[in-house]
């Protein structure tokens, strides 16, 4: 058992931390292109589920692993950072296992002969079903992001964080390189942006089913 991790988890404000970690895990799941193990939505909660595991499962397992010591708890990082790196690692491992065990990846020769991956044509229950629906969703997402960007006008830091996200920069080091914001401040600004986004969405119910997400990796 890791006493430092246990103490940090016990003292954490989970009313604030839990929603942040759930969104983080959800966005990673949504950001991956799953081969053979499609991410689906649970109708009652609109939560993504992969092979029966939800974002909540990954968050709970990450916390347990840090306490049990099966995942390293780094004392030079915040609890949030330790949870994020564990969650991302676990989801990545889950994806790799799905890709290798359920669907054999194509050989280099097959990829050259047929550049378009047939797996990409399979339907994903969590995505729009036809071209018109895809166009409508993409348009709504762009509209929402434009409105969200407008809502942070006057806050240079949050504006820069959003711009970094649009450029697919997500880690503290990537964001520092892209924006000049010191990496040590990035987690704090992410929390601030997350809280702002929650308030924004609460006032804009027409976007309730949309969330700013990472693009497919």
N, C-alpha and C. Protein backbone atom coordinates (compact mmCIF):
# COMPACT_ATOMS: atom_id res chain seq x y z
N UNK A 1 0.84 -1.20 0.00
CA UNK A 1 0.00 0.00 0.00
C UNK A 1 0.87 1.25 0.00
N UNK A 2 0.50 2.23 -0.79
CA UNK A 2 1.23 3.48 -0.87
C UNK A 2 0.54 4.50 0.03
N UNK A 3 1.16 4.82 1.15
CA UNK A 3 0.53 5.71 2.13
C UNK A 3 0.36 7.13 1.61
N UNK A 4 1.31 7.59 0.78
CA UNK A 4 1.20 8.94 0.22
C UNK A 4 -0.01 9.05 -0.70
N UNK A 5 -0.20 8.03 -1.53
CA UNK A 5 -1.34 8.02 -2.44
C UNK A 5 -2.64 7.92 -1.65
N UNK A 6 -2.66 7.05 -0.65
CA UNK A 6 -3.87 6.88 0.16
C UNK A 6 -4.25 8.17 0.86
N UNK A 7 -3.25 8.89 1.40
CA UNK A 7 -3.50 10.15 2.09
C UNK A 7 -4.03 11.20 1.12
N UNK A 8 -3.41 11.29 -0.06
CA UNK A 8 -3.84 12.28 -1.05
C UNK A 8 -5.26 12.01 -1.51
N UNK A 9 -5.60 10.74 -1.73
CA UNK A 9 -6.94 10.38 -2.19
C UNK A 9 -7.97 10.64 -1.10
N UNK A 10 -7.61 10.34 0.14
CA UNK A 10 -8.53 10.56 1.25
C UNK A 10 -8.82 12.04 1.47
N UNK A 11 -7.81 12.89 1.26
CA UNK A 11 -7.96 14.32 1.53
C UNK A 11 -8.49 15.10 0.33
N UNK A 12 -8.59 14.47 -0.81
CA UNK A 12 -9.01 15.17 -2.03
C UNK A 12 -10.48 15.58 -1.96
N UNK A 13 -10.79 16.67 -2.63
CA UNK A 13 -12.17 17.13 -2.75
C UNK A 13 -12.77 16.44 -3.97
N UNK A 14 -13.40 15.29 -3.77
CA UNK A 14 -13.88 14.49 -4.87
C UNK A 14 -15.10 15.09 -5.56
N UNK A 15 -15.77 16.02 -4.90
CA UNK A 15 -16.89 16.70 -5.57
C UNK A 15 -16.38 17.50 -6.77
N UNK A 16 -15.13 17.97 -6.65
CA UNK A 16 -14.50 18.72 -7.74
C UNK A 16 -13.68 17.77 -8.62
N UNK A 17 -12.90 16.89 -7.97
CA UNK A 17 -11.96 16.05 -8.71
C UNK A 17 -12.65 14.97 -9.54
N UNK A 18 -13.70 14.36 -9.00
CA UNK A 18 -14.36 13.26 -9.72
C UNK A 18 -14.88 13.67 -11.09
N UNK A 19 -15.63 14.78 -11.21
CA UNK A 19 -16.10 15.19 -12.55
C UNK A 19 -14.95 15.48 -13.51
N UNK A 20 -13.87 16.05 -12.99
CA UNK A 20 -12.72 16.34 -13.85
C UNK A 20 -12.10 15.05 -14.39
N UNK A 21 -11.94 14.06 -13.51
CA UNK A 21 -11.33 12.80 -13.92
C UNK A 21 -12.25 12.01 -14.85
N UNK A 22 -13.56 12.08 -14.60
CA UNK A 22 -14.51 11.40 -15.47
C UNK A 22 -14.48 11.98 -16.87
N UNK A 23 -14.43 13.30 -16.96
CA UNK A 23 -14.37 13.94 -18.27
C UNK A 23 -13.04 13.60 -18.95
N UNK A 24 -11.96 13.58 -18.18
CA UNK A 24 -10.65 13.26 -18.74
C UNK A 24 -10.66 11.86 -19.35
N UNK A 25 -11.17 10.88 -18.58
CA UNK A 25 -11.23 9.50 -19.07
C UNK A 25 -12.16 9.39 -20.27
N UNK A 26 -13.30 10.07 -20.20
CA UNK A 26 -14.27 10.05 -21.31
C UNK A 26 -13.63 10.58 -22.59
N UNK A 27 -12.90 11.67 -22.48
CA UNK A 27 -12.29 12.29 -23.66
C UNK A 27 -11.22 11.40 -24.27
N UNK A 28 -10.47 10.67 -23.42
CA UNK A 28 -9.46 9.76 -23.96
C UNK A 28 -10.13 8.62 -24.70
N UNK A 29 -11.17 8.04 -24.10
CA UNK A 29 -11.91 6.96 -24.76
C UNK A 29 -12.45 7.45 -26.10
N UNK A 30 -13.04 8.63 -26.10
CA UNK A 30 -13.63 9.19 -27.32
C UNK A 30 -12.56 9.52 -28.35
N UNK A 31 -11.36 9.84 -27.88
CA UNK A 31 -10.30 10.25 -28.79
C UNK A 31 -9.62 9.12 -29.52
N UNK A 32 -9.76 7.91 -29.03
CA UNK A 32 -9.12 6.76 -29.69
C UNK A 32 -9.99 6.21 -30.81
N UNK A 33 -9.32 5.72 -31.84
CA UNK A 33 -10.00 4.96 -32.89
C UNK A 33 -9.85 3.49 -32.51
N UNK A 34 -10.96 2.87 -32.09
CA UNK A 34 -10.90 1.51 -31.57
C UNK A 34 -11.04 0.50 -32.70
N UNK A 35 -10.11 -0.44 -32.78
CA UNK A 35 -10.18 -1.52 -33.77
C UNK A 35 -10.82 -2.74 -33.12
N UNK A 36 -12.01 -3.10 -33.60
CA UNK A 36 -12.64 -4.33 -33.15
C UNK A 36 -13.34 -4.24 -31.81
N UNK A 37 -13.23 -3.13 -31.12
CA UNK A 37 -13.88 -2.99 -29.82
C UNK A 37 -14.44 -1.58 -29.74
N UNK A 38 -15.56 -1.37 -30.40
CA UNK A 38 -16.09 -0.03 -30.57
C UNK A 38 -16.60 0.57 -29.27
N UNK A 39 -16.31 1.85 -29.09
CA UNK A 39 -16.85 2.57 -27.94
C UNK A 39 -18.32 2.86 -28.20
N UNK A 40 -19.17 2.47 -27.28
CA UNK A 40 -20.60 2.68 -27.42
C UNK A 40 -21.10 3.55 -26.28
N UNK A 41 -22.25 4.15 -26.47
CA UNK A 41 -22.81 5.00 -25.43
C UNK A 41 -23.90 4.26 -24.66
N UNK A 42 -23.89 4.44 -23.33
CA UNK A 42 -24.97 3.91 -22.50
C UNK A 42 -26.10 4.92 -22.55
N UNK A 43 -27.24 4.51 -23.05
CA UNK A 43 -28.33 5.44 -23.34
C UNK A 43 -28.73 6.27 -22.13
N UNK A 44 -28.78 5.67 -20.96
CA UNK A 44 -29.29 6.37 -19.77
C UNK A 44 -28.40 7.53 -19.35
N UNK A 45 -27.09 7.39 -19.56
CA UNK A 45 -26.15 8.40 -19.08
C UNK A 45 -25.38 9.09 -20.19
N UNK A 46 -25.48 8.59 -21.42
CA UNK A 46 -24.71 9.09 -22.56
C UNK A 46 -23.21 8.89 -22.35
N UNK A 47 -22.86 7.98 -21.43
CA UNK A 47 -21.45 7.73 -21.12
C UNK A 47 -20.88 6.68 -22.07
N UNK A 48 -19.65 6.90 -22.51
CA UNK A 48 -19.00 5.93 -23.38
C UNK A 48 -18.64 4.67 -22.60
N UNK A 49 -18.80 3.55 -23.26
CA UNK A 49 -18.51 2.26 -22.64
C UNK A 49 -17.72 1.42 -23.64
N UNK A 50 -16.59 0.88 -23.20
CA UNK A 50 -15.77 0.03 -24.06
C UNK A 50 -15.65 -1.34 -23.40
N UNK A 51 -16.22 -2.36 -24.07
CA UNK A 51 -16.16 -3.71 -23.54
C UNK A 51 -16.67 -3.78 -22.10
N UNK A 52 -17.73 -3.01 -21.82
CA UNK A 52 -18.33 -3.02 -20.50
C UNK A 52 -17.69 -2.09 -19.49
N UNK A 53 -16.62 -1.39 -19.87
CA UNK A 53 -15.93 -0.50 -18.94
C UNK A 53 -16.21 0.96 -19.30
N UNK A 54 -16.62 1.73 -18.30
CA UNK A 54 -16.91 3.14 -18.51
C UNK A 54 -15.77 4.00 -17.98
N UNK A 55 -15.89 5.30 -18.21
CA UNK A 55 -14.90 6.24 -17.67
C UNK A 55 -14.82 6.11 -16.15
N UNK A 56 -15.97 5.93 -15.51
CA UNK A 56 -16.00 5.78 -14.05
C UNK A 56 -15.18 4.58 -13.60
N UNK A 57 -15.27 3.48 -14.36
CA UNK A 57 -14.49 2.28 -14.02
C UNK A 57 -12.99 2.58 -14.08
N UNK A 58 -12.58 3.29 -15.12
CA UNK A 58 -11.15 3.59 -15.27
C UNK A 58 -10.66 4.51 -14.17
N UNK A 59 -11.49 5.47 -13.76
CA UNK A 59 -11.11 6.39 -12.68
C UNK A 59 -10.97 5.64 -11.37
N UNK A 60 -11.96 4.81 -11.05
CA UNK A 60 -11.93 4.04 -9.80
C UNK A 60 -10.74 3.09 -9.76
N UNK A 61 -10.48 2.43 -10.89
CA UNK A 61 -9.36 1.49 -10.95
C UNK A 61 -8.02 2.23 -10.81
N UNK A 62 -7.92 3.42 -11.39
CA UNK A 62 -6.68 4.20 -11.29
C UNK A 62 -6.40 4.56 -9.83
N UNK A 63 -7.42 5.02 -9.13
CA UNK A 63 -7.25 5.38 -7.71
C UNK A 63 -6.83 4.16 -6.90
N UNK A 64 -7.49 3.02 -7.16
CA UNK A 64 -7.17 1.79 -6.42
C UNK A 64 -5.74 1.34 -6.69
N UNK A 65 -5.30 1.42 -7.94
CA UNK A 65 -3.96 0.98 -8.30
C UNK A 65 -2.89 1.86 -7.65
N UNK A 66 -3.16 3.16 -7.55
CA UNK A 66 -2.20 4.06 -6.92
C UNK A 66 -2.07 3.74 -5.43
N UNK A 67 -3.20 3.45 -4.79
CA UNK A 67 -3.17 3.12 -3.36
C UNK A 67 -2.52 1.76 -3.14
N UNK A 68 -2.85 0.80 -3.98
CA UNK A 68 -2.31 -0.56 -3.83
C UNK A 68 -0.83 -0.63 -4.20
N UNK A 69 -0.36 0.34 -4.96
CA UNK A 69 1.04 0.34 -5.35
C UNK A 69 1.33 -0.39 -6.64
N UNK A 70 0.27 -0.86 -7.33
CA UNK A 70 0.48 -1.53 -8.62
C UNK A 70 0.76 -0.51 -9.72
N UNK A 71 0.46 0.76 -9.45
CA UNK A 71 0.87 1.86 -10.31
C UNK A 71 1.66 2.85 -9.45
N UNK A 72 2.76 3.35 -9.98
CA UNK A 72 3.63 4.25 -9.22
C UNK A 72 2.94 5.58 -8.93
N UNK A 73 2.96 5.98 -7.65
CA UNK A 73 2.47 7.31 -7.27
C UNK A 73 3.67 8.22 -7.12
N UNK A 74 3.76 9.21 -8.00
CA UNK A 74 4.89 10.13 -7.98
C UNK A 74 4.60 11.32 -7.08
N UNK A 75 5.40 11.48 -6.05
CA UNK A 75 5.18 12.55 -5.08
C UNK A 75 5.54 13.92 -5.65
N UNK A 76 6.24 13.95 -6.80
CA UNK A 76 6.56 15.23 -7.41
C UNK A 76 5.42 15.72 -8.31
N UNK A 77 4.34 14.94 -8.36
CA UNK A 77 3.17 15.31 -9.13
C UNK A 77 1.96 15.45 -8.23
N UNK A 78 0.96 16.18 -8.70
CA UNK A 78 -0.28 16.30 -7.95
C UNK A 78 -1.07 15.00 -8.08
N UNK A 79 -2.07 14.84 -7.22
CA UNK A 79 -2.95 13.67 -7.31
C UNK A 79 -3.62 13.64 -8.68
N UNK A 80 -4.06 14.80 -9.14
CA UNK A 80 -4.72 14.87 -10.45
C UNK A 80 -3.80 14.36 -11.55
N UNK A 81 -2.54 14.76 -11.52
CA UNK A 81 -1.59 14.33 -12.55
C UNK A 81 -1.32 12.83 -12.46
N UNK A 82 -1.23 12.30 -11.24
CA UNK A 82 -1.02 10.86 -11.07
C UNK A 82 -2.22 10.07 -11.59
N UNK A 83 -3.42 10.55 -11.31
CA UNK A 83 -4.61 9.87 -11.80
C UNK A 83 -4.67 9.93 -13.32
N UNK A 84 -4.37 11.09 -13.89
CA UNK A 84 -4.44 11.26 -15.34
C UNK A 84 -3.48 10.31 -16.05
N UNK A 85 -2.24 10.23 -15.58
CA UNK A 85 -1.26 9.38 -16.26
C UNK A 85 -1.64 7.90 -16.12
N UNK A 86 -2.25 7.54 -14.98
CA UNK A 86 -2.67 6.15 -14.79
C UNK A 86 -3.87 5.82 -15.65
N UNK A 87 -4.84 6.73 -15.68
CA UNK A 87 -6.04 6.53 -16.51
C UNK A 87 -5.66 6.40 -17.97
N UNK A 88 -4.81 7.31 -18.45
CA UNK A 88 -4.42 7.28 -19.87
C UNK A 88 -3.67 6.00 -20.19
N UNK A 89 -2.79 5.56 -19.29
CA UNK A 89 -2.04 4.33 -19.52
C UNK A 89 -2.97 3.13 -19.57
N UNK A 90 -3.94 3.07 -18.65
CA UNK A 90 -4.85 1.93 -18.61
C UNK A 90 -5.74 1.87 -19.84
N UNK A 91 -6.24 3.02 -20.27
CA UNK A 91 -7.11 3.03 -21.46
C UNK A 91 -6.28 2.67 -22.70
N UNK A 92 -5.06 3.17 -22.76
CA UNK A 92 -4.18 2.85 -23.88
C UNK A 92 -3.92 1.34 -23.93
N UNK A 93 -3.65 0.74 -22.77
CA UNK A 93 -3.41 -0.70 -22.72
C UNK A 93 -4.66 -1.47 -23.14
N UNK A 94 -5.82 -0.99 -22.71
CA UNK A 94 -7.08 -1.63 -23.06
C UNK A 94 -7.30 -1.59 -24.57
N UNK A 95 -6.96 -0.45 -25.17
CA UNK A 95 -7.11 -0.29 -26.62
C UNK A 95 -6.16 -1.22 -27.36
N UNK A 96 -4.91 -1.27 -26.92
CA UNK A 96 -3.92 -2.12 -27.59
C UNK A 96 -4.33 -3.58 -27.50
N UNK A 97 -4.84 -3.97 -26.36
CA UNK A 97 -5.29 -5.36 -26.19
C UNK A 97 -6.45 -5.66 -27.13
N UNK A 98 -7.36 -4.71 -27.25
CA UNK A 98 -8.51 -4.90 -28.14
C UNK A 98 -8.04 -5.02 -29.58
N UNK A 99 -7.10 -4.16 -29.97
CA UNK A 99 -6.63 -4.14 -31.34
C UNK A 99 -5.90 -5.43 -31.70
N UNK A 100 -5.10 -5.93 -30.77
CA UNK A 100 -4.28 -7.10 -31.08
C UNK A 100 -5.01 -8.42 -30.92
N UNK A 101 -5.95 -8.47 -29.95
CA UNK A 101 -6.58 -9.75 -29.66
C UNK A 101 -7.87 -9.98 -30.43
N UNK A 102 -8.59 -8.92 -30.76
CA UNK A 102 -9.88 -9.09 -31.41
C UNK A 102 -9.79 -8.94 -32.92
N UNK A 103 -8.88 -8.09 -33.39
CA UNK A 103 -8.75 -7.87 -34.83
C UNK A 103 -7.27 -7.83 -35.17
N UNK A 104 -6.85 -8.68 -36.07
CA UNK A 104 -5.45 -8.67 -36.48
C UNK A 104 -5.16 -7.45 -37.34
N UNK A 105 -4.15 -6.67 -36.95
CA UNK A 105 -3.77 -5.52 -37.76
C UNK A 105 -3.23 -6.00 -39.11
N UNK A 106 -3.43 -5.18 -40.12
CA UNK A 106 -3.00 -5.55 -41.46
C UNK A 106 -1.48 -5.50 -41.58
N UNK A 107 -0.96 -6.28 -42.49
CA UNK A 107 0.47 -6.25 -42.76
C UNK A 107 0.79 -5.00 -43.59
N UNK A 108 2.08 -4.70 -43.70
CA UNK A 108 2.50 -3.54 -44.49
C UNK A 108 2.08 -3.72 -45.95
N UNK A 109 2.15 -4.98 -46.44
CA UNK A 109 1.77 -5.24 -47.83
C UNK A 109 0.28 -5.00 -48.05
N UNK A 110 -0.53 -5.44 -47.07
CA UNK A 110 -1.97 -5.24 -47.18
C UNK A 110 -2.33 -3.76 -47.12
N UNK A 111 -1.64 -3.04 -46.25
CA UNK A 111 -1.91 -1.61 -46.12
C UNK A 111 -1.55 -0.87 -47.40
N UNK A 112 -0.46 -1.30 -48.07
CA UNK A 112 -0.05 -0.64 -49.31
C UNK A 112 -1.04 -0.97 -50.44
N UNK A 113 -1.50 -2.22 -50.47
CA UNK A 113 -2.44 -2.63 -51.52
C UNK A 113 -3.81 -2.01 -51.32
N UNK A 114 -4.20 -1.80 -50.04
CA UNK A 114 -5.51 -1.25 -49.74
C UNK A 114 -5.35 -0.18 -48.65
N UNK A 115 -5.02 1.07 -49.04
CA UNK A 115 -4.74 2.12 -48.06
C UNK A 115 -5.90 2.36 -47.09
N UNK A 116 -7.14 2.25 -47.57
CA UNK A 116 -8.29 2.48 -46.69
C UNK A 116 -8.53 1.24 -45.85
N UNK A 117 -8.53 1.41 -44.54
CA UNK A 117 -8.74 0.30 -43.63
C UNK A 117 -10.22 -0.08 -43.60
N UNK A 118 -10.57 -1.33 -43.95
CA UNK A 118 -11.97 -1.74 -43.93
C UNK A 118 -12.62 -1.55 -42.56
N UNK A 119 -11.83 -1.63 -41.48
CA UNK A 119 -12.39 -1.45 -40.15
C UNK A 119 -12.98 -0.05 -39.97
N UNK A 120 -12.44 0.91 -40.70
CA UNK A 120 -12.94 2.27 -40.58
C UNK A 120 -14.35 2.42 -41.10
N UNK A 121 -14.79 1.46 -41.93
CA UNK A 121 -16.12 1.54 -42.52
C UNK A 121 -17.19 0.91 -41.65
N UNK A 122 -16.77 0.21 -40.58
CA UNK A 122 -17.77 -0.41 -39.71
C UNK A 122 -18.49 0.67 -38.91
N UNK A 123 -19.80 0.49 -38.65
CA UNK A 123 -20.56 1.50 -37.91
C UNK A 123 -20.16 1.55 -36.45
N UNK A 124 -20.12 2.74 -35.91
CA UNK A 124 -19.85 2.97 -34.49
C UNK A 124 -21.12 3.52 -33.88
N UNK A 125 -21.66 2.80 -32.90
CA UNK A 125 -22.93 3.20 -32.31
C UNK A 125 -22.87 4.56 -31.64
N UNK A 126 -21.66 5.01 -31.29
CA UNK A 126 -21.55 6.29 -30.61
C UNK A 126 -21.41 7.46 -31.55
N UNK A 127 -21.43 7.19 -32.87
CA UNK A 127 -21.24 8.25 -33.84
C UNK A 127 -22.44 8.37 -34.76
N UNK A 128 -22.62 9.52 -35.42
CA UNK A 128 -23.73 9.69 -36.36
C UNK A 128 -23.70 8.62 -37.44
N UNK A 129 -24.88 8.21 -37.90
CA UNK A 129 -24.96 7.07 -38.80
C UNK A 129 -24.80 7.37 -40.26
N UNK A 130 -25.01 8.60 -40.72
CA UNK A 130 -24.89 8.90 -42.14
C UNK A 130 -24.22 10.25 -42.34
N UNK A 131 -23.97 10.57 -43.61
CA UNK A 131 -23.21 11.78 -43.93
C UNK A 131 -23.91 13.04 -43.43
N UNK A 132 -25.23 13.08 -43.58
CA UNK A 132 -25.98 14.27 -43.15
C UNK A 132 -25.87 14.46 -41.64
N UNK A 133 -25.99 13.35 -40.89
CA UNK A 133 -25.90 13.43 -39.43
C UNK A 133 -24.49 13.82 -39.00
N UNK A 134 -23.48 13.27 -39.69
CA UNK A 134 -22.10 13.61 -39.36
C UNK A 134 -21.84 15.09 -39.61
N UNK A 135 -22.36 15.60 -40.73
CA UNK A 135 -22.16 17.01 -41.05
C UNK A 135 -22.84 17.89 -40.01
N UNK A 136 -24.05 17.50 -39.60
CA UNK A 136 -24.79 18.29 -38.61
C UNK A 136 -24.05 18.31 -37.27
N UNK A 137 -23.55 17.14 -36.85
CA UNK A 137 -22.84 17.09 -35.58
C UNK A 137 -21.55 17.91 -35.64
N UNK A 138 -20.81 17.77 -36.74
CA UNK A 138 -19.57 18.53 -36.89
C UNK A 138 -19.84 20.03 -36.86
N UNK A 139 -20.93 20.45 -37.50
CA UNK A 139 -21.29 21.86 -37.53
C UNK A 139 -21.64 22.36 -36.14
N UNK A 140 -22.39 21.55 -35.39
CA UNK A 140 -22.77 21.94 -34.03
C UNK A 140 -21.56 22.02 -33.12
N UNK A 141 -20.61 21.08 -33.30
CA UNK A 141 -19.40 21.10 -32.47
C UNK A 141 -18.57 22.35 -32.76
N UNK A 142 -18.44 22.70 -34.04
CA UNK A 142 -17.70 23.92 -34.39
C UNK A 142 -18.38 25.15 -33.82
N UNK A 143 -19.70 25.16 -33.90
CA UNK A 143 -20.47 26.29 -33.37
C UNK A 143 -20.28 26.42 -31.87
N UNK A 144 -20.35 25.26 -31.17
CA UNK A 144 -20.19 25.28 -29.72
C UNK A 144 -18.80 25.76 -29.33
N UNK A 145 -17.77 25.25 -30.02
CA UNK A 145 -16.40 25.65 -29.70
C UNK A 145 -16.17 27.13 -29.97
N UNK A 146 -16.80 27.65 -31.03
CA UNK A 146 -16.68 29.08 -31.32
C UNK A 146 -17.32 29.91 -30.21
N UNK A 147 -18.48 29.44 -29.73
CA UNK A 147 -19.16 30.14 -28.64
C UNK A 147 -18.36 30.04 -27.34
N UNK A 148 -17.77 28.86 -27.11
CA UNK A 148 -16.95 28.69 -25.91
C UNK A 148 -15.73 29.59 -25.96
N UNK A 149 -15.11 29.69 -27.14
CA UNK A 149 -13.96 30.57 -27.31
C UNK A 149 -14.35 32.02 -27.04
N UNK A 150 -15.52 32.41 -27.55
CA UNK A 150 -16.00 33.78 -27.33
C UNK A 150 -16.23 34.04 -25.85
N UNK A 151 -16.68 32.99 -25.12
CA UNK A 151 -17.02 33.17 -23.71
C UNK A 151 -15.79 33.39 -22.83
N UNK A 152 -14.59 33.06 -23.34
CA UNK A 152 -13.38 33.27 -22.53
C UNK A 152 -12.60 34.50 -23.00
N UNK A 153 -13.21 35.28 -23.89
CA UNK A 153 -12.55 36.51 -24.32
C UNK A 153 -12.23 37.37 -23.09
N UNK A 154 -11.05 37.91 -23.06
CA UNK A 154 -10.64 38.69 -21.91
C UNK A 154 -9.76 37.90 -20.95
N UNK A 155 -9.81 36.58 -21.07
CA UNK A 155 -8.93 35.72 -20.26
C UNK A 155 -7.91 35.10 -21.22
N UNK A 156 -6.75 35.72 -21.29
CA UNK A 156 -5.74 35.29 -22.26
C UNK A 156 -5.30 33.86 -22.05
N UNK A 157 -5.15 33.44 -20.78
CA UNK A 157 -4.68 32.09 -20.50
C UNK A 157 -5.65 31.03 -21.00
N UNK A 158 -6.95 31.20 -20.70
CA UNK A 158 -7.93 30.21 -21.14
C UNK A 158 -8.06 30.21 -22.66
N UNK A 159 -7.94 31.37 -23.26
CA UNK A 159 -7.98 31.44 -24.72
C UNK A 159 -6.83 30.65 -25.32
N UNK A 160 -5.64 30.79 -24.74
CA UNK A 160 -4.47 30.06 -25.24
C UNK A 160 -4.61 28.56 -25.04
N UNK A 161 -5.19 28.15 -23.90
CA UNK A 161 -5.40 26.72 -23.65
C UNK A 161 -6.34 26.14 -24.70
N UNK A 162 -7.44 26.84 -24.99
CA UNK A 162 -8.38 26.36 -26.01
C UNK A 162 -7.72 26.30 -27.38
N UNK A 163 -6.91 27.28 -27.70
CA UNK A 163 -6.21 27.28 -28.99
C UNK A 163 -5.24 26.09 -29.06
N UNK A 164 -4.61 25.77 -27.94
CA UNK A 164 -3.70 24.63 -27.91
C UNK A 164 -4.46 23.33 -28.15
N UNK A 165 -5.65 23.22 -27.53
CA UNK A 165 -6.48 22.03 -27.74
C UNK A 165 -6.84 21.88 -29.22
N UNK A 166 -7.16 23.02 -29.86
CA UNK A 166 -7.53 22.96 -31.28
C UNK A 166 -6.37 22.48 -32.13
N UNK A 167 -5.15 22.70 -31.64
CA UNK A 167 -3.96 22.25 -32.36
C UNK A 167 -3.50 20.86 -31.89
N UNK A 168 -4.39 20.17 -31.14
CA UNK A 168 -4.12 18.82 -30.63
C UNK A 168 -2.95 18.80 -29.66
N UNK A 169 -2.80 19.86 -28.89
CA UNK A 169 -1.78 19.90 -27.85
C UNK A 169 -2.49 19.69 -26.52
N UNK A 170 -2.13 18.62 -25.79
CA UNK A 170 -2.87 18.28 -24.59
C UNK A 170 -2.00 18.18 -23.33
N UNK A 171 -0.76 17.74 -23.47
CA UNK A 171 0.07 17.57 -22.29
C UNK A 171 0.65 18.92 -21.86
N UNK A 172 1.04 19.05 -20.58
CA UNK A 172 1.63 20.31 -20.11
C UNK A 172 2.81 20.76 -20.96
N UNK A 173 3.68 19.81 -21.34
CA UNK A 173 4.85 20.17 -22.13
C UNK A 173 4.46 20.68 -23.51
N UNK A 174 3.48 20.02 -24.13
CA UNK A 174 3.02 20.43 -25.46
C UNK A 174 2.39 21.82 -25.39
N UNK A 175 1.58 22.04 -24.35
CA UNK A 175 0.90 23.32 -24.20
C UNK A 175 1.90 24.44 -23.92
N UNK A 176 2.93 24.15 -23.13
CA UNK A 176 3.95 25.16 -22.85
C UNK A 176 4.67 25.56 -24.15
N UNK A 177 4.99 24.56 -24.96
CA UNK A 177 5.68 24.84 -26.22
C UNK A 177 4.80 25.67 -27.16
N UNK A 178 3.50 25.34 -27.18
CA UNK A 178 2.58 26.01 -28.10
C UNK A 178 2.17 27.40 -27.65
N UNK A 179 2.10 27.60 -26.33
CA UNK A 179 1.52 28.86 -25.82
C UNK A 179 2.48 29.72 -25.01
N UNK A 180 3.54 29.11 -24.50
CA UNK A 180 4.44 29.86 -23.62
C UNK A 180 4.01 29.82 -22.17
N UNK A 181 2.86 29.22 -21.88
CA UNK A 181 2.39 29.08 -20.50
C UNK A 181 3.24 28.00 -19.83
N UNK A 182 3.77 28.28 -18.66
CA UNK A 182 4.62 27.31 -17.97
C UNK A 182 3.83 26.04 -17.67
N UNK A 183 4.49 24.91 -17.87
CA UNK A 183 3.83 23.61 -17.69
C UNK A 183 3.25 23.44 -16.30
N UNK A 184 3.91 24.04 -15.28
CA UNK A 184 3.45 23.88 -13.90
C UNK A 184 2.09 24.55 -13.67
N UNK A 185 1.69 25.46 -14.57
CA UNK A 185 0.41 26.15 -14.42
C UNK A 185 -0.70 25.50 -15.24
N UNK A 186 -0.34 24.56 -16.11
CA UNK A 186 -1.32 24.01 -17.04
C UNK A 186 -2.46 23.28 -16.34
N UNK A 187 -2.15 22.43 -15.35
CA UNK A 187 -3.20 21.69 -14.65
C UNK A 187 -4.20 22.63 -13.99
N UNK A 188 -3.68 23.69 -13.39
CA UNK A 188 -4.56 24.68 -12.75
C UNK A 188 -5.48 25.33 -13.79
N UNK A 189 -4.92 25.66 -14.95
CA UNK A 189 -5.72 26.30 -16.00
C UNK A 189 -6.72 25.32 -16.61
N UNK A 190 -6.35 24.04 -16.69
CA UNK A 190 -7.28 23.04 -17.18
C UNK A 190 -8.49 22.94 -16.26
N UNK A 191 -8.23 22.98 -14.95
CA UNK A 191 -9.34 22.93 -13.98
C UNK A 191 -10.23 24.16 -14.13
N UNK A 192 -9.59 25.31 -14.31
CA UNK A 192 -10.34 26.54 -14.48
C UNK A 192 -11.19 26.49 -15.74
N UNK A 193 -10.62 25.97 -16.82
CA UNK A 193 -11.36 25.86 -18.08
C UNK A 193 -12.50 24.86 -17.95
N UNK A 194 -12.26 23.75 -17.25
CA UNK A 194 -13.29 22.74 -17.04
C UNK A 194 -14.47 23.33 -16.29
N UNK A 195 -14.18 24.10 -15.23
CA UNK A 195 -15.25 24.73 -14.46
C UNK A 195 -16.01 25.74 -15.31
N UNK A 196 -15.28 26.49 -16.12
CA UNK A 196 -15.92 27.47 -17.00
C UNK A 196 -16.80 26.77 -18.03
N UNK A 197 -16.31 25.65 -18.59
CA UNK A 197 -17.09 24.92 -19.58
C UNK A 197 -18.38 24.37 -18.98
N UNK A 198 -18.30 23.90 -17.72
CA UNK A 198 -19.51 23.40 -17.05
C UNK A 198 -20.56 24.51 -16.94
N UNK A 199 -20.13 25.71 -16.55
CA UNK A 199 -21.05 26.84 -16.42
C UNK A 199 -21.61 27.24 -17.79
N UNK A 200 -20.73 27.22 -18.78
CA UNK A 200 -21.13 27.56 -20.15
C UNK A 200 -22.21 26.61 -20.63
N UNK A 201 -22.00 25.30 -20.45
CA UNK A 201 -22.96 24.31 -20.92
C UNK A 201 -24.27 24.37 -20.14
N UNK A 202 -24.18 24.74 -18.86
CA UNK A 202 -25.40 24.86 -18.05
C UNK A 202 -26.30 25.97 -18.59
N UNK A 203 -25.68 27.01 -19.16
CA UNK A 203 -26.44 28.13 -19.70
C UNK A 203 -26.85 27.91 -21.15
N UNK A 204 -26.24 26.90 -21.79
CA UNK A 204 -26.54 26.64 -23.20
C UNK A 204 -27.01 25.20 -23.36
N UNK A 205 -28.25 24.90 -22.94
CA UNK A 205 -28.76 23.52 -22.98
C UNK A 205 -28.77 22.91 -24.37
N UNK A 206 -28.76 23.76 -25.41
CA UNK A 206 -28.77 23.21 -26.77
C UNK A 206 -27.48 22.47 -27.09
N UNK A 207 -26.44 22.68 -26.26
CA UNK A 207 -25.17 21.98 -26.46
C UNK A 207 -24.94 20.90 -25.41
N UNK A 208 -25.97 20.56 -24.66
CA UNK A 208 -25.81 19.66 -23.52
C UNK A 208 -25.25 18.30 -23.91
N UNK A 209 -25.51 17.87 -25.13
CA UNK A 209 -25.04 16.55 -25.56
C UNK A 209 -23.66 16.60 -26.19
N UNK A 210 -23.05 17.78 -26.22
CA UNK A 210 -21.73 17.93 -26.84
C UNK A 210 -20.71 18.30 -25.79
N UNK A 211 -19.50 17.84 -25.97
CA UNK A 211 -18.38 18.18 -25.09
C UNK A 211 -17.16 18.43 -25.94
N UNK A 212 -16.32 19.41 -25.57
CA UNK A 212 -15.05 19.56 -26.28
C UNK A 212 -14.23 18.30 -26.04
N UNK A 213 -13.80 17.61 -27.13
CA UNK A 213 -13.09 16.36 -26.99
C UNK A 213 -11.84 16.35 -27.85
N UNK A 214 -10.93 15.47 -27.48
CA UNK A 214 -9.74 15.27 -28.30
C UNK A 214 -10.17 14.67 -29.63
N UNK A 215 -9.44 15.00 -30.66
CA UNK A 215 -9.72 14.39 -31.94
C UNK A 215 -9.11 13.01 -31.98
N UNK A 216 -9.56 12.20 -32.93
CA UNK A 216 -9.07 10.84 -33.03
C UNK A 216 -7.56 10.83 -33.19
N UNK A 217 -6.88 9.98 -32.45
CA UNK A 217 -5.42 9.94 -32.49
C UNK A 217 -4.94 9.27 -33.73
